[in-house]
């Protein structure tokens, strides 16, 4: 995933989290801001409870890979926060659940 598609500003993270309604399940919390004129931006938050830095970076790379492989409609900013229970999932299960939640937000066409 190219750097120009990554949301890094702490102020933007906080604004989106405070003003938008989340879509969540046992493993992810996703906030989407559709009121933008920019391109599609993603922010990832993986807490310290997930594991050490190597495990957190591996999970972040996996999420970026999943997000990059999908096609999206419209312009938006999306913040994806992971929960501790995600350590128990395989890559395919992480992908399936993330795609399902992104489909619920309406930024992708979800097909089962």
C-alpha atoms as a PDB file:
ATOM      1  CA  UNK A   1       0.000   0.000   0.000  1.00  0.00           C
ATOM      2  CA  UNK A   2       1.430   3.358  -1.003  1.00  0.00           C
ATOM      3  CA  UNK A   3       2.074   5.958   1.670  1.00  0.00           C
ATOM      4  CA  UNK A   4      -0.216   8.480   0.015  1.00  0.00           C
ATOM      5  CA  UNK A   5      -3.193   6.235   0.882  1.00  0.00           C
ATOM      6  CA  UNK A   6      -2.353   5.983   4.580  1.00  0.00           C
ATOM      7  CA  UNK A   7      -3.898   8.227   7.204  1.00  0.00           C
ATOM      8  CA  UNK A   8      -1.244   9.195   9.755  1.00  0.00           C
ATOM      9  CA  UNK A   9      -2.385  12.404  11.429  1.00  0.00           C
ATOM     10  CA  UNK A  10      -3.345  11.903  15.081  1.00  0.00           C
ATOM     11  CA  UNK A  11      -5.790  14.800  14.791  1.00  0.00           C
ATOM     12  CA  UNK A  12      -7.588  13.105  11.874  1.00  0.00           C
ATOM     13  CA  UNK A  13      -7.732   9.770  13.727  1.00  0.00           C
ATOM     14  CA  UNK A  14      -9.295  11.436  16.768  1.00  0.00           C
ATOM     15  CA  UNK A  15     -11.738  13.524  14.695  1.00  0.00           C
ATOM     16  CA  UNK A  16     -13.022  10.477  12.830  1.00  0.00           C
ATOM     17  CA  UNK A  17     -13.276   8.344  15.969  1.00  0.00           C
ATOM     18  CA  UNK A  18     -15.106  11.040  17.942  1.00  0.00           C
ATOM     19  CA  UNK A  19     -17.576  12.096  15.246  1.00  0.00           C
ATOM     20  CA  UNK A  20     -18.415   8.923  13.312  1.00  0.00           C
ATOM     21  CA  UNK A  21     -20.432   5.883  14.315  1.00  0.00           C
ATOM     22  CA  UNK A  22     -18.437   2.626  14.428  1.00  0.00           C
ATOM     23  CA  UNK A  23     -19.129  -0.689  12.755  1.00  0.00           C
ATOM     24  CA  UNK A  24     -17.651  -3.459  14.866  1.00  0.00           C
ATOM     25  CA  UNK A  25     -17.480  -7.123  15.720  1.00  0.00           C
ATOM     26  CA  UNK A  26     -15.394  -9.233  18.080  1.00  0.00           C
ATOM     27  CA  UNK A  27     -12.150  -8.504  16.200  1.00  0.00           C
ATOM     28  CA  UNK A  28     -12.381  -5.071  14.521  1.00  0.00           C
ATOM     29  CA  UNK A  29     -13.825  -1.603  14.992  1.00  0.00           C
ATOM     30  CA  UNK A  30     -14.157   0.433  11.792  1.00  0.00           C
ATOM     31  CA  UNK A  31     -14.925   4.134  11.464  1.00  0.00           C
ATOM     32  CA  UNK A  32     -15.652   5.647   8.041  1.00  0.00           C
ATOM     33  CA  UNK A  33     -15.829   9.331   7.102  1.00  0.00           C
ATOM     34  CA  UNK A  34     -17.522   9.708   3.707  1.00  0.00           C
ATOM     35  CA  UNK A  35     -17.548  13.520   3.784  1.00  0.00           C
ATOM     36  CA  UNK A  36     -14.232  14.067   2.013  1.00  0.00           C
ATOM     37  CA  UNK A  37     -13.000  15.202  -1.365  1.00  0.00           C
ATOM     38  CA  UNK A  38      -9.681  13.358  -1.045  1.00  0.00           C
ATOM     39  CA  UNK A  39      -8.936   9.895  -2.286  1.00  0.00           C
ATOM     40  CA  UNK A  40      -9.415   6.732  -0.258  1.00  0.00           C
ATOM     41  CA  UNK A  41      -7.359   6.946   2.936  1.00  0.00           C
ATOM     42  CA  UNK A  42      -6.884   4.207   5.530  1.00  0.00           C
ATOM     43  CA  UNK A  43      -5.572   4.365   9.074  1.00  0.00           C
ATOM     44  CA  UNK A  44      -4.654   1.314  11.123  1.00  0.00           C
ATOM     45  CA  UNK A  45      -4.464   1.072  14.889  1.00  0.00           C
ATOM     46  CA  UNK A  46      -2.997  -2.034  16.492  1.00  0.00           C
ATOM     47  CA  UNK A  47      -2.714  -1.753  20.272  1.00  0.00           C
ATOM     48  CA  UNK A  48       0.075  -2.990  22.510  1.00  0.00           C
ATOM     49  CA  UNK A  49      -2.173  -5.696  23.927  1.00  0.00           C
ATOM     50  CA  UNK A  50      -1.909  -7.533  20.592  1.00  0.00           C
ATOM     51  CA  UNK A  51       1.714  -8.511  21.201  1.00  0.00           C
ATOM     52  CA  UNK A  52       5.248  -7.273  20.718  1.00  0.00           C
ATOM     53  CA  UNK A  53       6.301  -4.937  17.911  1.00  0.00           C
ATOM     54  CA  UNK A  54       7.007  -7.775  15.485  1.00  0.00           C
ATOM     55  CA  UNK A  55       3.506  -9.223  15.880  1.00  0.00           C
ATOM     56  CA  UNK A  56       1.844  -5.799  15.642  1.00  0.00           C
ATOM     57  CA  UNK A  57       3.757  -4.910  12.468  1.00  0.00           C
ATOM     58  CA  UNK A  58       2.940  -8.282  10.924  1.00  0.00           C
ATOM     59  CA  UNK A  59      -0.758  -7.712  11.613  1.00  0.00           C
ATOM     60  CA  UNK A  60      -0.548  -4.186  10.194  1.00  0.00           C
ATOM     61  CA  UNK A  61       1.088  -5.532   7.013  1.00  0.00           C
ATOM     62  CA  UNK A  62      -1.620  -8.175   6.696  1.00  0.00           C
ATOM     63  CA  UNK A  63      -4.359  -5.556   7.056  1.00  0.00           C
ATOM     64  CA  UNK A  64      -2.717  -3.333   4.445  1.00  0.00           C
ATOM     65  CA  UNK A  65      -2.497  -6.298   2.081  1.00  0.00           C
ATOM     66  CA  UNK A  66      -6.183  -7.106   2.531  1.00  0.00           C
ATOM     67  CA  UNK A  67      -7.242  -3.488   2.068  1.00  0.00           C
ATOM     68  CA  UNK A  68      -5.060  -3.034  -1.008  1.00  0.00           C
ATOM     69  CA  UNK A  69      -6.542  -6.068  -2.757  1.00  0.00           C
ATOM     70  CA  UNK A  70     -10.113  -4.703  -2.695  1.00  0.00           C
ATOM     71  CA  UNK A  71     -11.860  -2.206  -4.955  1.00  0.00           C
ATOM     72  CA  UNK A  72     -13.773   0.661  -3.417  1.00  0.00           C
ATOM     73  CA  UNK A  73     -16.492   3.072  -4.390  1.00  0.00           C
ATOM     74  CA  UNK A  74     -16.326   6.761  -3.608  1.00  0.00           C
ATOM     75  CA  UNK A  75     -13.892   8.804  -1.560  1.00  0.00           C
ATOM     76  CA  UNK A  76     -13.554   8.294   2.185  1.00  0.00           C
ATOM     77  CA  UNK A  77     -11.296   8.091   5.187  1.00  0.00           C
ATOM     78  CA  UNK A  78     -11.360   4.828   7.120  1.00  0.00           C
ATOM     79  CA  UNK A  79      -9.858   3.959  10.520  1.00  0.00           C
ATOM     80  CA  UNK A  80      -9.499   0.249  11.348  1.00  0.00           C
ATOM     81  CA  UNK A  81      -8.844  -0.654  14.982  1.00  0.00           C
ATOM     82  CA  UNK A  82      -8.023  -4.212  15.991  1.00  0.00           C
ATOM     83  CA  UNK A  83      -9.009  -5.945  19.211  1.00  0.00           C
ATOM     84  CA  UNK A  84      -6.951  -8.406  21.247  1.00  0.00           C
ATOM     85  CA  UNK A  85      -8.983 -11.467  20.145  1.00  0.00           C
ATOM     86  CA  UNK A  86      -7.634 -11.122  16.599  1.00  0.00           C
ATOM     87  CA  UNK A  87      -4.547 -13.150  17.563  1.00  0.00           C
ATOM     88  CA  UNK A  88      -6.649 -16.320  17.454  1.00  0.00           C
ATOM     89  CA  UNK A  89      -7.598 -15.917  13.762  1.00  0.00           C
ATOM     90  CA  UNK A  90      -5.826 -17.192  10.680  1.00  0.00           C
ATOM     91  CA  UNK A  91      -5.096 -14.845   7.767  1.00  0.00           C
ATOM     92  CA  UNK A  92      -8.087 -16.083   5.758  1.00  0.00           C
ATOM     93  CA  UNK A  93     -10.448 -15.567   8.697  1.00  0.00           C
ATOM     94  CA  UNK A  94      -9.062 -12.041   9.266  1.00  0.00           C
ATOM     95  CA  UNK A  95      -9.617 -11.292   5.595  1.00  0.00           C
ATOM     96  CA  UNK A  96     -13.156 -12.687   5.559  1.00  0.00           C
ATOM     97  CA  UNK A  97     -14.243 -10.741   8.649  1.00  0.00           C
ATOM     98  CA  UNK A  98     -12.638  -7.485   7.504  1.00  0.00           C
ATOM     99  CA  UNK A  99     -14.273  -7.710   4.081  1.00  0.00           C
ATOM    100  CA  UNK A 100     -17.630  -8.386   5.728  1.00  0.00           C
ATOM    101  CA  UNK A 101     -17.334  -5.319   7.971  1.00  0.00           C
ATOM    102  CA  UNK A 102     -16.144  -3.091   5.134  1.00  0.00           C
ATOM    103  CA  UNK A 103     -19.184  -4.283   3.185  1.00  0.00           C
ATOM    104  CA  UNK A 104     -21.411  -3.256   6.084  1.00  0.00           C
ATOM    105  CA  UNK A 105     -19.938   0.251   5.999  1.00  0.00           C
ATOM    106  CA  UNK A 106     -20.893   0.557   2.322  1.00  0.00           C
ATOM    107  CA  UNK A 107     -17.469   1.431   0.928  1.00  0.00           C
ATOM    108  CA  UNK A 108     -17.157  -1.855  -1.013  1.00  0.00           C
ATOM    109  CA  UNK A 109     -19.557  -4.140  -2.769  1.00  0.00           C
ATOM    110  CA  UNK A 110     -19.792  -7.126  -0.459  1.00  0.00           C
ATOM    111  CA  UNK A 111     -20.589 -10.477  -2.057  1.00  0.00           C
ATOM    112  CA  UNK A 112     -20.736 -13.659   0.012  1.00  0.00           C
END
